[in-house]
Amino acid sequence: MKTNAQGERIVRCPQCGGDSVFAPSNKWRPFCSERCRQIDLGAWASESFRVPATPPEDPDELGPGGEPLVH
């Protein structure tokens, strides 16, 4: 585990892969900057990140084209 001179943990930024201070002093943690935080938020908002799911087995939960209904 890497630490800085103040003893704070240094982790990889999940967006850019750069160093990021993982401590209360970094208001964007676990990201290294507001820019990386905003890029990640935009990816979630545009549904770029998706959780894999299995199709429903109940035919009542399928729409007219056989697609799962969105609740």
PDB file of N, CA and C in Angstrom:
ATOM      1  N   MET A   1       0.848  -1.173   0.000  1.00  0.00           N
ATOM      2  CA  MET A   1       0.000   0.000   0.000  1.00  0.00           C
ATOM      3  C   MET A   1       0.900   1.244   0.000  1.00  0.00           C
ATOM      4  N   LYS A   2       0.625   2.142  -0.916  1.00  0.00           N
ATOM      5  CA  LYS A   2       1.397   3.376  -0.996  1.00  0.00           C
ATOM      6  C   LYS A   2       0.784   4.424  -0.078  1.00  0.00           C
ATOM      7  N   THR A   3       1.624   5.253   0.492  1.00  0.00           N
ATOM      8  CA  THR A   3       1.161   6.379   1.304  1.00  0.00           C
ATOM      9  C   THR A   3       1.962   7.616   0.918  1.00  0.00           C
ATOM     10  N   ASN A   4       1.380   8.783   1.216  1.00  0.00           N
ATOM     11  CA  ASN A   4       2.096  10.026   0.955  1.00  0.00           C
ATOM     12  C   ASN A   4       2.821  10.474   2.220  1.00  0.00           C
ATOM     13  N   ALA A   5       3.423  11.662   2.200  1.00  0.00           N
ATOM     14  CA  ALA A   5       4.202  12.155   3.344  1.00  0.00           C
ATOM     15  C   ALA A   5       3.350  12.333   4.598  1.00  0.00           C
ATOM     16  N   GLN A   6       2.033  12.558   4.423  1.00  0.00           N
ATOM     17  CA  GLN A   6       1.133  12.733   5.561  1.00  0.00           C
ATOM     18  C   GLN A   6       0.591  11.402   6.071  1.00  0.00           C
ATOM     19  N   GLY A   7       0.991  10.302   5.459  1.00  0.00           N
ATOM     20  CA  GLY A   7       0.528   8.982   5.874  1.00  0.00           C
ATOM     21  C   GLY A   7      -0.820   8.592   5.292  1.00  0.00           C
ATOM     22  N   GLU A   8      -1.322   9.357   4.314  1.00  0.00           N
ATOM     23  CA  GLU A   8      -2.612   9.053   3.687  1.00  0.00           C
ATOM     24  C   GLU A   8      -2.409   8.004   2.594  1.00  0.00           C
ATOM     25  N   ARG A   9      -3.387   7.109   2.454  1.00  0.00           N
ATOM     26  CA  ARG A   9      -3.298   6.059   1.430  1.00  0.00           C
ATOM     27  C   ARG A   9      -3.382   6.658   0.039  1.00  0.00           C
ATOM     28  N   ILE A  10      -2.600   6.114  -0.865  1.00  0.00           N
ATOM     29  CA  ILE A  10      -2.634   6.490  -2.274  1.00  0.00           C
ATOM     30  C   ILE A  10      -3.208   5.300  -3.038  1.00  0.00           C
ATOM     31  N   VAL A  11      -4.295   5.536  -3.779  1.00  0.00           N
ATOM     32  CA  VAL A  11      -4.943   4.485  -4.562  1.00  0.00           C
ATOM     33  C   VAL A  11      -4.982   4.919  -6.022  1.00  0.00           C
ATOM     34  N   ARG A  12      -5.338   3.990  -6.892  1.00  0.00           N
ATOM     35  CA  ARG A  12      -5.499   4.314  -8.318  1.00  0.00           C
ATOM     36  C   ARG A  12      -6.854   4.958  -8.544  1.00  0.00           C
ATOM     37  N   CYS A  13      -6.892   6.033  -9.305  1.00  0.00           N
ATOM     38  CA  CYS A  13      -8.151   6.675  -9.679  1.00  0.00           C
ATOM     39  C   CYS A  13      -8.895   5.702 -10.587  1.00  0.00           C
ATOM     40  N   PRO A  14     -10.169   5.388 -10.290  1.00  0.00           N
ATOM     41  CA  PRO A  14     -10.890   4.426 -11.125  1.00  0.00           C
ATOM     42  C   PRO A  14     -11.149   4.921 -12.551  1.00  0.00           C
ATOM     43  N   GLN A  15     -11.017   6.221 -12.783  1.00  0.00           N
ATOM     44  CA  GLN A  15     -11.291   6.753 -14.114  1.00  0.00           C
ATOM     45  C   GLN A  15     -10.031   6.816 -14.974  1.00  0.00           C
ATOM     46  N   CYS A  16      -8.985   7.471 -14.470  1.00  0.00           N
ATOM     47  CA  CYS A  16      -7.787   7.683 -15.294  1.00  0.00           C
ATOM     48  C   CYS A  16      -6.615   6.785 -14.925  1.00  0.00           C
ATOM     49  N   GLY A  17      -6.675   6.149 -13.753  1.00  0.00           N
ATOM     50  CA  GLY A  17      -5.602   5.262 -13.327  1.00  0.00           C
ATOM     51  C   GLY A  17      -4.447   5.964 -12.637  1.00  0.00           C
ATOM     52  N   GLY A  18      -4.547   7.292 -12.482  1.00  0.00           N
ATOM     53  CA  GLY A  18      -3.488   8.031 -11.797  1.00  0.00           C
ATOM     54  C   GLY A  18      -3.575   7.869 -10.285  1.00  0.00           C
ATOM     55  N   ASP A  19      -2.618   8.455  -9.593  1.00  0.00           N
ATOM     56  CA  ASP A  19      -2.615   8.399  -8.133  1.00  0.00           C
ATOM     57  C   ASP A  19      -3.714   9.288  -7.565  1.00  0.00           C
ATOM     58  N   SER A  20      -4.353   8.811  -6.509  1.00  0.00           N
ATOM     59  CA  SER A  20      -5.413   9.553  -5.838  1.00  0.00           C
ATOM     60  C   SER A  20      -5.291   9.345  -4.340  1.00  0.00           C
ATOM     61  N   VAL A  21      -5.381  10.439  -3.580  1.00  0.00           N
ATOM     62  CA  VAL A  21      -5.322  10.352  -2.121  1.00  0.00           C
ATOM     63  C   VAL A  21      -6.676   9.858  -1.632  1.00  0.00           C
ATOM     64  N   PHE A  22      -6.675   8.751  -0.887  1.00  0.00           N
ATOM     65  CA  PHE A  22      -7.916   8.201  -0.348  1.00  0.00           C
ATOM     66  C   PHE A  22      -8.008   8.607   1.116  1.00  0.00           C
ATOM     67  N   ALA A  23      -8.425   9.856   1.323  1.00  0.00           N
ATOM     68  CA  ALA A  23      -8.525  10.417   2.672  1.00  0.00           C
ATOM     69  C   ALA A  23      -9.573  11.530   2.648  1.00  0.00           C
ATOM     70  N   PRO A  24     -10.087  11.920   3.805  1.00  0.00           N
ATOM     71  CA  PRO A  24     -11.075  13.004   3.855  1.00  0.00           C
ATOM     72  C   PRO A  24     -10.578  14.309   3.230  1.00  0.00           C
ATOM     73  N   SER A  25      -9.279  14.488   3.125  1.00  0.00           N
ATOM     74  CA  SER A  25      -8.742  15.703   2.508  1.00  0.00           C
ATOM     75  C   SER A  25      -9.014  15.763   1.004  1.00  0.00           C
ATOM     76  N   ASN A  26      -9.323  14.636   0.374  1.00  0.00           N
ATOM     77  CA  ASN A  26      -9.635  14.590  -1.059  1.00  0.00           C
ATOM     78  C   ASN A  26     -11.146  14.514  -1.208  1.00  0.00           C
ATOM     79  N   LYS A  27     -11.773  15.647  -1.526  1.00  0.00           N
ATOM     80  CA  LYS A  27     -13.236  15.669  -1.597  1.00  0.00           C
ATOM     81  C   LYS A  27     -13.794  14.901  -2.796  1.00  0.00           C
ATOM     82  N   TRP A  28     -12.937  14.459  -3.711  1.00  0.00           N
ATOM     83  CA  TRP A  28     -13.416  13.692  -4.873  1.00  0.00           C
ATOM     84  C   TRP A  28     -13.106  12.212  -4.749  1.00  0.00           C
ATOM     85  N   ARG A  29     -12.601  11.764  -3.599  1.00  0.00           N
ATOM     86  CA  ARG A  29     -12.181  10.366  -3.464  1.00  0.00           C
ATOM     87  C   ARG A  29     -13.297   9.418  -3.861  1.00  0.00           C
ATOM     88  N   PRO A  30     -13.071   8.332  -4.508  1.00  0.00           N
ATOM     89  CA  PRO A  30     -11.770   7.746  -4.812  1.00  0.00           C
ATOM     90  C   PRO A  30     -11.131   8.308  -6.077  1.00  0.00           C
ATOM     91  N   PHE A  31     -11.736   9.326  -6.665  1.00  0.00           N
ATOM     92  CA  PHE A  31     -11.197   9.908  -7.895  1.00  0.00           C
ATOM     93  C   PHE A  31     -10.096  10.906  -7.567  1.00  0.00           C
ATOM     94  N   CYS A  32      -9.252  11.198  -8.546  1.00  0.00           N
ATOM     95  CA  CYS A  32      -8.139  12.119  -8.313  1.00  0.00           C
ATOM     96  C   CYS A  32      -8.553  13.569  -8.497  1.00  0.00           C
ATOM     97  N   SER A  33      -9.657  13.806  -9.219  1.00  0.00           N
ATOM     98  CA  SER A  33     -10.066  15.180  -9.499  1.00  0.00           C
ATOM     99  C   SER A  33     -11.566  15.242  -9.759  1.00  0.00           C
ATOM    100  N   GLU A  34     -12.068  16.464  -9.777  1.00  0.00           N
ATOM    101  CA  GLU A  34     -13.482  16.650 -10.095  1.00  0.00           C
ATOM    102  C   GLU A  34     -13.765  16.202 -11.533  1.00  0.00           C
ATOM    103  N   ARG A  35     -12.810  16.413 -12.431  1.00  0.00           N
ATOM    104  CA  ARG A  35     -12.992  16.009 -13.828  1.00  0.00           C
ATOM    105  C   ARG A  35     -13.248  14.506 -13.937  1.00  0.00           C
ATOM    106  N   CYS A  36     -12.412  13.700 -13.271  1.00  0.00           N
ATOM    107  CA  CYS A  36     -12.593  12.247 -13.319  1.00  0.00           C
ATOM    108  C   CYS A  36     -13.924  11.848 -12.691  1.00  0.00           C
ATOM    109  N   ARG A  37     -14.308  12.522 -11.611  1.00  0.00           N
ATOM    110  CA  ARG A  37     -15.584  12.233 -10.961  1.00  0.00           C
ATOM    111  C   ARG A  37     -16.746  12.530 -11.907  1.00  0.00           C
ATOM    112  N   GLN A  38     -16.674  13.649 -12.628  1.00  0.00           N
ATOM    113  CA  GLN A  38     -17.739  14.028 -13.556  1.00  0.00           C
ATOM    114  C   GLN A  38     -17.813  13.077 -14.756  1.00  0.00           C
ATOM    115  N   ILE A  39     -16.671  12.635 -15.249  1.00  0.00           N
ATOM    116  CA  ILE A  39     -16.658  11.674 -16.359  1.00  0.00           C
ATOM    117  C   ILE A  39     -17.351  10.386 -15.932  1.00  0.00           C
ATOM    118  N   ASP A  40     -17.040   9.903 -14.725  1.00  0.00           N
ATOM    119  CA  ASP A  40     -17.663   8.685 -14.211  1.00  0.00           C
ATOM    120  C   ASP A  40     -19.167   8.875 -14.027  1.00  0.00           C
ATOM    121  N   LEU A  41     -19.572  10.012 -13.471  1.00  0.00           N
ATOM    122  CA  LEU A  41     -20.999  10.294 -13.285  1.00  0.00           C
ATOM    123  C   LEU A  41     -21.718  10.329 -14.632  1.00  0.00           C
ATOM    124  N   GLY A  42     -21.088  10.940 -15.634  1.00  0.00           N
ATOM    125  CA  GLY A  42     -21.684  10.983 -16.967  1.00  0.00           C
ATOM    126  C   GLY A  42     -21.852   9.601 -17.569  1.00  0.00           C
ATOM    127  N   ALA A  43     -20.898   8.716 -17.320  1.00  0.00           N
ATOM    128  CA  ALA A  43     -21.008   7.344 -17.828  1.00  0.00           C
ATOM    129  C   ALA A  43     -22.185   6.625 -17.184  1.00  0.00           C
ATOM    130  N   TRP A  44     -22.388   6.829 -15.878  1.00  0.00           N
ATOM    131  CA  TRP A  44     -23.549   6.219 -15.210  1.00  0.00           C
ATOM    132  C   TRP A  44     -24.844   6.828 -15.736  1.00  0.00           C
ATOM    133  N   ALA A  45     -24.873   8.166 -15.895  1.00  0.00           N
ATOM    134  CA  ALA A  45     -26.095   8.841 -16.336  1.00  0.00           C
ATOM    135  C   ALA A  45     -26.486   8.436 -17.756  1.00  0.00           C
ATOM    136  N   SER A  46     -25.496   8.169 -18.607  1.00  0.00           N
ATOM    137  CA  SER A  46     -25.795   7.762 -19.983  1.00  0.00           C
ATOM    138  C   SER A  46     -25.960   6.250 -20.110  1.00  0.00           C
ATOM    139  N   GLU A  47     -25.960   5.567 -18.969  1.00  0.00           N
ATOM    140  CA  GLU A  47     -26.140   4.114 -18.898  1.00  0.00           C
ATOM    141  C   GLU A  47     -25.036   3.342 -19.611  1.00  0.00           C
ATOM    142  N   SER A  48     -23.822   3.901 -19.625  1.00  0.00           N
ATOM    143  CA  SER A  48     -22.684   3.170 -20.180  1.00  0.00           C
ATOM    144  C   SER A  48     -22.315   1.985 -19.304  1.00  0.00           C
ATOM    145  N   PHE A  49     -22.541   2.131 -17.990  1.00  0.00           N
ATOM    146  CA  PHE A  49     -22.321   1.030 -17.054  1.00  0.00           C
ATOM    147  C   PHE A  49     -23.641   0.299 -16.878  1.00  0.00           C
ATOM    148  N   ARG A  50     -23.618  -1.002 -16.998  1.00  0.00           N
ATOM    149  CA  ARG A  50     -24.831  -1.795 -16.819  1.00  0.00           C
ATOM    150  C   ARG A  50     -24.532  -2.998 -15.955  1.00  0.00           C
ATOM    151  N   VAL A  51     -25.511  -3.377 -15.181  1.00  0.00           N
ATOM    152  CA  VAL A  51     -25.395  -4.560 -14.342  1.00  0.00           C
ATOM    153  C   VAL A  51     -25.969  -5.723 -15.131  1.00  0.00           C
ATOM    154  N   PRO A  52     -25.191  -6.794 -15.352  1.00  0.00           N
ATOM    155  CA  PRO A  52     -25.716  -7.925 -16.110  1.00  0.00           C
ATOM    156  C   PRO A  52     -26.879  -8.582 -15.374  1.00  0.00           C
ATOM    157  N   ALA A  53     -27.862  -8.987 -16.141  1.00  0.00           N
ATOM    158  CA  ALA A  53     -29.034  -9.639 -15.557  1.00  0.00           C
ATOM    159  C   ALA A  53     -29.502 -10.752 -16.484  1.00  0.00           C
ATOM    160  N   THR A  54     -30.185 -11.711 -15.919  1.00  0.00           N
ATOM    161  CA  THR A  54     -30.768 -12.780 -16.725  1.00  0.00           C
ATOM    162  C   THR A  54     -32.190 -12.383 -17.092  1.00  0.00           C
ATOM    163  N   PRO A  55     -32.658 -12.780 -18.260  1.00  0.00           N
ATOM    164  CA  PRO A  55     -34.026 -12.442 -18.647  1.00  0.00           C
ATOM    165  C   PRO A  55     -35.033 -13.130 -17.722  1.00  0.00           C
ATOM    166  N   PRO A  56     -36.177 -12.501 -17.512  1.00  0.00           N
ATOM    167  CA  PRO A  56     -37.184 -13.112 -16.637  1.00  0.00           C
ATOM    168  C   PRO A  56     -37.741 -14.393 -17.250  1.00  0.00           C
ATOM    169  N   GLU A  57     -38.039 -15.347 -16.398  1.00  0.00           N
ATOM    170  CA  GLU A  57     -38.605 -16.605 -16.877  1.00  0.00           C
ATOM    171  C   GLU A  57     -40.129 -16.563 -16.918  1.00  0.00           C
ATOM    172  N   ASP A  58     -40.719 -15.600 -16.225  1.00  0.00           N
ATOM    173  CA  ASP A  58     -42.171 -15.466 -16.184  1.00  0.00           C
ATOM    174  C   ASP A  58     -42.641 -14.756 -17.456  1.00  0.00           C
ATOM    175  N   PRO A  59     -43.452 -15.401 -18.315  1.00  0.00           N
ATOM    176  CA  PRO A  59     -43.902 -14.770 -19.560  1.00  0.00           C
ATOM    177  C   PRO A  59     -44.705 -13.495 -19.325  1.00  0.00           C
ATOM    178  N   ASP A  60     -45.292 -13.321 -18.138  1.00  0.00           N
ATOM    179  CA  ASP A  60     -46.054 -12.105 -17.850  1.00  0.00           C
ATOM    180  C   ASP A  60     -45.145 -10.887 -17.699  1.00  0.00           C
ATOM    181  N   GLU A  61     -43.854 -11.119 -17.527  1.00  0.00           N
ATOM    182  CA  GLU A  61     -42.922 -10.012 -17.371  1.00  0.00           C
ATOM    183  C   GLU A  61     -42.242  -9.646 -18.684  1.00  0.00           C
ATOM    184  N   LEU A  62     -42.692 -10.220 -19.791  1.00  0.00           N
ATOM    185  CA  LEU A  62     -42.139  -9.909 -21.099  1.00  0.00           C
ATOM    186  C   LEU A  62     -43.073  -8.970 -21.842  1.00  0.00           C
ATOM    187  N   GLY A  63     -42.489  -8.017 -22.570  1.00  0.00           N
ATOM    188  CA  GLY A  63     -43.270  -7.084 -23.361  1.00  0.00           C
ATOM    189  C   GLY A  63     -43.708  -7.723 -24.668  1.00  0.00           C
ATOM    190  N   PRO A  64     -44.349  -6.944 -25.547  1.00  0.00           N
ATOM    191  CA  PRO A  64     -44.875  -7.488 -26.804  1.00  0.00           C
ATOM    192  C   PRO A  64     -43.813  -8.083 -27.726  1.00  0.00           C
ATOM    193  N   GLY A  65     -42.600  -7.561 -27.718  1.00  0.00           N
ATOM    194  CA  GLY A  65     -41.552  -8.091 -28.585  1.00  0.00           C
ATOM    195  C   GLY A  65     -40.700  -9.139 -27.902  1.00  0.00           C
ATOM    196  N   GLY A  66     -41.134  -9.614 -26.737  1.00  0.00           N
ATOM    197  CA  GLY A  66     -40.356 -10.594 -26.005  1.00  0.00           C
ATOM    198  C   GLY A  66     -39.263  -9.974 -25.152  1.00  0.00           C
ATOM    199  N   GLU A  67     -39.208  -8.645 -25.129  1.00  0.00           N
ATOM    200  CA  GLU A  67     -38.219  -7.938 -24.313  1.00  0.00           C
ATOM    201  C   GLU A  67     -38.710  -7.843 -22.873  1.00  0.00           C
ATOM    202  N   PRO A  68     -37.799  -7.920 -21.907  1.00  0.00           N
ATOM    203  CA  PRO A  68     -38.210  -7.765 -20.506  1.00  0.00           C
ATOM    204  C   PRO A  68     -38.807  -6.384 -20.261  1.00  0.00           C
ATOM    205  N   LEU A  69     -39.859  -6.323 -19.465  1.00  0.00           N
ATOM    206  CA  LEU A  69     -40.462  -5.048 -19.101  1.00  0.00           C
ATOM    207  C   LEU A  69     -39.530  -4.310 -18.150  1.00  0.00           C
ATOM    208  N   VAL A  70     -39.470  -2.992 -18.297  1.00  0.00           N
ATOM    209  CA  VAL A  70     -38.660  -2.164 -17.402  1.00  0.00           C
ATOM    210  C   VAL A  70     -39.580  -1.623 -16.329  1.00  0.00           C
ATOM    211  N   HIS A  71     -39.220  -1.864 -15.082  1.00  0.00           N
ATOM    212  CA  HIS A  71     -40.054  -1.398 -13.969  1.00  0.00           C
ATOM    213  C   HIS A  71     -39.539  -0.105 -13.447  1.00  0.00           C
TER     214      HIS A  71
END
